[in-house]
Amino acid sequence: MALLDEVLDANGGMDRWRRVQRFTVHMSIGGALLARKRKARLLKEIVAKGSIETQSVRLTGFKATDECATYRPDRVAIERLNGTVLQTRNEPRAAFLQYTEDALWDDLDLAYFGGLSVWNCLTIPLLLGHPEIRTEELAPWREGGGEWQRLRAIFPPYITTHSSAQIFCFDNARLQRRADYRLGAMGGTLVADYSSAHQKFSGIIVPTLRRSLEVGHDGAVVPKPALIDIEIFDVSFD
């Protein structure tokens, strides 16, 4: 069996994945990157509801108790819970990637980054079974005394991710342990995204802890501080 097939089966299977359409997740997103952008507390206690197929996410707990943020790759907004639109931005990725590393974010930038991060957390690695995501097996990766199997994935332009090319590492149980990609929010900085504390929710395996660490020019991972620190408390798929 190919590595991709083993990964898909170990993380819930494509039969189950094709039957789910939505997710709801209670989670926290923090880290040095958000602190640098002066948004350190805004994603610390959020509930996100999203669609798996349409890449849309609604974040509550984002700012005021009566406000939420909505994310789609082509539009982000800050809204009242009753649907009243307070701020909006079309084509947010283009604006987002124009910032320098030291530039501060506004709330719409954070809505874009938060929505994108949530959607990726809840769909990968089963998203790799998408017929238009190209994958190839690479040589194993040795780290911490163990050996991880690797897949390189190339995402089509209409699937928005942190990076169109990523390398994923899986342990012997075929659970995701690391992903390497270039983070546009950091001017293309190479990042190693570590996953742990995997749990099953509604038949789907989700790593509940993620730490994104910068990779230096020499290829060594910088252990502190975490650029992005994610903790997932609860998830449901339906």
Foldseek 3Di string as FASTA:
>chain_A
DDLLQLLQVLFQHPVLVVPFFKKKFWKAKAFDLCVLLVNGPQRGTWIWIDTLPQLKIKIASRPDNQWIWIDGCQKIFIAGVVGHTDDMDGNVVVVLLVDAQNHHDDSRNVSHVVSQVVNVQVCPPNCCVPPPKDKDWDDWDDDPNFIWTKIWIAADPNDDHQARIKMWTAHPSSDTAWMWFFGSNNVRFIKIKGFADWDAAQSGIGGQWIFIFTQDPVRHTDVDDTRMTMGIDHMHTD
